[in-house]
Amino acid sequence: MAGQAQYEELMRQFSAFGAVKREMGRILPSDCPSGSAAVLTLLARHGDMRMSKLSELLAVDMSVTSRHAAHLAERGWIDRSPDPADKRSRILHLTAAGQEVVDRMYRLTCRMLAERLSDWSDDEVAQLSGLMARLRASFDDCRAGTHAAAHSPVHTPAPAAAGISRVFEETTRTPANT
């Protein structure tokens, strides 16, 4: 088990990681804040879904999800339609324009990661991705009340060269989206 000094260094690295997140956020379209980008990414990955499911995947209150959905619908990036099974609920659908925004975000983010990590080996990128996935799973376990994934082996994804678009997808996943 790691010692106090290692956890303190990890906390410093988390704080410093804010600069990485801010720089990645700068490449988003000006009218697409990070929360909206997360909604688009989830709809692109999972397809049409109810607002309640999206709220669960984002791990946010339904009112927050509703604001994101309204913002995206105003831009024509998603459609909201009544759920045929429950007219009180809405089904969200990514439009062609929304898919173009997602594709653009993927391209820009992958380009940025490829530039910034150009001196990293494929194995180093895969190791970082695997460790980030394991860290996220450890926090998922805390939310679920178990610690099983903390003791499971690290999943190491394929090298970045085999699918760099996965890097963006993996780094934007929300806690409930494993």
Protein backbone atom coordinates (compact mmCIF):
# COMPACT_ATOMS: atom_id res chain seq x y z
CA MET A 1 0.00 0.00 0.00
CA ALA A 2 1.26 3.47 -0.86
CA GLY A 3 2.42 5.76 1.92
CA GLN A 4 1.27 9.23 2.97
CA ALA A 5 3.96 10.96 0.89
CA GLN A 6 2.85 9.12 -2.27
CA TYR A 7 -0.78 10.12 -1.74
CA GLU A 8 0.26 13.72 -1.15
CA GLU A 9 2.22 13.69 -4.42
CA LEU A 10 -0.78 12.16 -6.18
CA MET A 11 -2.96 15.00 -4.82
CA ARG A 12 -0.46 17.55 -6.21
CA GLN A 13 -0.57 15.84 -9.61
CA PHE A 14 -4.40 15.88 -9.60
CA SER A 15 -4.31 19.61 -8.89
CA ALA A 16 -1.79 20.19 -11.67
CA PHE A 17 -3.90 18.07 -14.06
CA GLY A 18 -6.41 20.93 -14.10
CA ALA A 19 -4.13 22.69 -16.58
CA VAL A 20 -4.36 19.69 -18.93
CA LYS A 21 -8.16 19.67 -18.69
CA ARG A 22 -8.33 23.42 -19.33
CA GLU A 23 -6.16 23.14 -22.42
CA MET A 24 -8.25 20.27 -23.74
CA GLY A 25 -11.37 22.36 -23.07
CA ARG A 26 -10.00 25.19 -25.19
CA ILE A 27 -10.32 23.13 -28.35
CA LEU A 28 -14.07 22.61 -27.85
CA PRO A 29 -16.34 24.72 -30.03
CA SER A 30 -16.99 28.06 -28.31
CA ASP A 31 -20.68 27.27 -27.95
CA CYS A 32 -20.08 23.77 -26.58
CA PRO A 33 -18.99 23.80 -22.94
CA SER A 34 -17.48 20.63 -21.47
CA GLY A 35 -20.78 19.43 -19.98
CA SER A 36 -22.46 19.68 -23.36
CA ALA A 37 -19.51 17.93 -24.98
CA ALA A 38 -19.93 15.07 -22.49
CA VAL A 39 -23.62 14.76 -23.44
CA LEU A 40 -22.78 14.65 -27.15
CA THR A 41 -20.05 12.07 -26.54
CA LEU A 42 -22.38 9.83 -24.53
CA LEU A 43 -25.13 10.02 -27.15
CA ALA A 44 -22.61 9.23 -29.89
CA ARG A 45 -21.31 6.23 -27.94
CA HIS A 46 -24.59 4.81 -26.59
CA GLY A 47 -27.23 6.03 -29.03
CA ASP A 48 -30.66 7.39 -28.22
CA MET A 49 -31.56 7.42 -24.55
CA ARG A 50 -33.92 8.80 -21.97
CA MET A 51 -32.99 11.93 -20.06
CA SER A 52 -32.96 9.86 -16.85
CA LYS A 53 -30.36 7.45 -18.29
CA LEU A 54 -28.21 10.35 -19.47
CA SER A 55 -28.43 11.94 -16.04
CA GLU A 56 -27.28 8.65 -14.51
CA LEU A 57 -24.35 8.34 -16.93
CA LEU A 58 -23.30 11.92 -16.25
CA ALA A 59 -23.74 11.36 -12.49
CA VAL A 60 -25.55 14.70 -12.21
CA ASP A 61 -28.99 15.90 -11.19
CA MET A 62 -31.77 15.76 -13.77
CA SER A 63 -31.99 19.59 -13.78
CA VAL A 64 -28.36 19.81 -14.92
CA THR A 65 -29.00 17.24 -17.64
CA SER A 66 -32.06 19.17 -18.74
CA ARG A 67 -30.04 22.40 -19.10
CA HIS A 68 -27.41 20.62 -21.19
CA ALA A 69 -30.11 19.06 -23.38
CA ALA A 70 -31.83 22.43 -23.89
CA HIS A 71 -28.50 24.04 -24.85
CA LEU A 72 -27.76 21.31 -27.39
CA ALA A 73 -31.29 21.27 -28.81
CA GLU A 74 -31.14 25.05 -29.37
CA ARG A 75 -28.10 24.47 -31.58
CA GLY A 76 -29.74 21.63 -33.48
CA TRP A 77 -27.20 19.08 -32.22
CA ILE A 78 -29.80 16.86 -30.54
CA ASP A 79 -33.51 16.20 -30.87
CA ARG A 80 -35.77 15.65 -27.88
CA SER A 81 -38.91 13.61 -28.48
CA PRO A 82 -41.53 12.10 -26.20
CA ASP A 83 -40.82 8.57 -25.06
CA PRO A 84 -43.52 6.36 -26.64
CA ALA A 85 -43.52 4.17 -23.50
CA ASP A 86 -43.86 7.13 -21.11
CA LYS A 87 -45.00 10.46 -22.56
CA ARG A 88 -43.65 12.30 -19.48
CA SER A 89 -40.11 11.29 -20.39
CA ARG A 90 -37.96 12.50 -23.28
CA ILE A 91 -35.73 10.51 -25.62
CA LEU A 92 -32.59 12.31 -26.75
CA HIS A 93 -31.22 11.69 -30.23
CA LEU A 94 -27.96 12.97 -31.74
CA THR A 95 -28.62 14.80 -35.02
CA ALA A 96 -26.33 14.77 -38.05
CA ALA A 97 -25.11 18.24 -37.02
CA GLY A 98 -24.40 16.92 -33.53
CA GLN A 99 -22.46 13.98 -34.95
CA GLU A 100 -20.36 16.45 -36.95
CA VAL A 101 -19.52 18.30 -33.72
CA VAL A 102 -18.55 15.01 -32.04
CA ASP A 103 -16.40 14.00 -35.01
CA ARG A 104 -14.67 17.39 -34.95
CA MET A 105 -14.03 17.13 -31.19
CA TYR A 106 -12.55 13.64 -31.65
CA ARG A 107 -10.26 14.81 -34.46
CA LEU A 108 -9.05 17.90 -32.58
CA THR A 109 -8.56 16.08 -29.30
CA CYS A 110 -6.73 13.18 -30.91
CA ARG A 111 -4.50 15.61 -32.81
CA MET A 112 -3.70 17.47 -29.58
CA LEU A 113 -2.95 14.27 -27.68
CA ALA A 114 -0.79 12.97 -30.53
CA GLU A 115 1.18 16.25 -30.52
CA ARG A 116 1.60 16.50 -26.74
CA LEU A 117 2.43 12.82 -26.34
CA SER A 118 4.60 12.49 -29.44
CA ASP A 119 7.62 11.55 -27.34
CA TRP A 120 5.66 8.82 -25.51
CA SER A 121 5.77 5.22 -26.70
CA ASP A 122 2.57 3.39 -27.59
CA ASP A 123 3.10 1.26 -24.49
CA GLU A 124 3.35 4.37 -22.26
CA VAL A 125 0.11 5.80 -23.68
CA ALA A 126 -1.59 2.42 -23.19
CA GLN A 127 -0.26 2.18 -19.63
CA LEU A 128 -1.55 5.68 -18.79
CA SER A 129 -4.94 4.87 -20.27
CA GLY A 130 -5.12 1.60 -18.33
CA LEU A 131 -4.16 3.24 -15.06
CA MET A 132 -6.68 6.04 -15.57
CA ALA A 133 -9.39 3.43 -16.24
CA ARG A 134 -8.40 1.57 -13.08
CA LEU A 135 -8.48 4.81 -11.05
CA ARG A 136 -11.93 5.62 -12.41
CA ALA A 137 -13.12 2.08 -11.58
CA SER A 138 -11.84 2.47 -8.02
CA PHE A 139 -14.01 5.55 -7.61
CA ASP A 140 -16.95 3.74 -9.24
CA ASP A 141 -16.55 1.02 -6.61
CA CYS A 142 -16.80 3.61 -3.85
CA ARG A 143 -20.07 4.88 -5.30
CA ALA A 144 -21.40 1.32 -5.52
CA GLY A 145 -20.16 0.48 -2.02
CA THR A 146 -17.66 -2.20 -3.07
CA HIS A 147 -13.94 -2.34 -3.67
CA ALA A 148 -13.71 -5.25 -6.11
CA ALA A 149 -12.13 -3.35 -9.02
CA ALA A 150 -9.42 -1.93 -6.78
CA HIS A 151 -8.12 -5.46 -6.46
CA SER A 152 -8.62 -6.53 -10.06
CA PRO A 153 -5.74 -6.51 -12.57
CA VAL A 154 -5.10 -3.39 -14.63
CA HIS A 155 -6.76 -3.52 -18.02
CA THR A 156 -4.27 -2.31 -20.60
CA PRO A 157 -5.91 -1.11 -23.81
CA ALA A 158 -4.40 -1.64 -27.22
CA PRO A 159 -1.54 0.70 -28.14
CA ALA A 160 -2.61 4.19 -29.17
CA ALA A 161 -1.55 3.65 -32.78
CA ALA A 162 -4.19 0.92 -33.05
CA GLY A 163 -7.00 3.35 -32.30
CA ILE A 164 -6.15 6.87 -31.16
CA SER A 165 -9.83 7.89 -31.29
CA ARG A 166 -10.35 5.62 -28.25
CA VAL A 167 -8.10 7.92 -26.22
CA PHE A 168 -10.63 10.77 -26.37
CA GLU A 169 -13.48 8.39 -25.66
CA GLU A 170 -11.74 6.84 -22.68
CA THR A 171 -10.70 10.15 -21.13
CA THR A 172 -14.15 11.67 -21.33
CA ARG A 173 -16.03 8.79 -19.84
CA THR A 174 -18.10 9.58 -16.82
CA PRO A 175 -18.00 7.58 -13.60
CA ALA A 176 -21.26 5.76 -14.31
CA ASN A 177 -20.11 4.87 -17.80
CA THR A 178 -17.83 1.89 -17.34
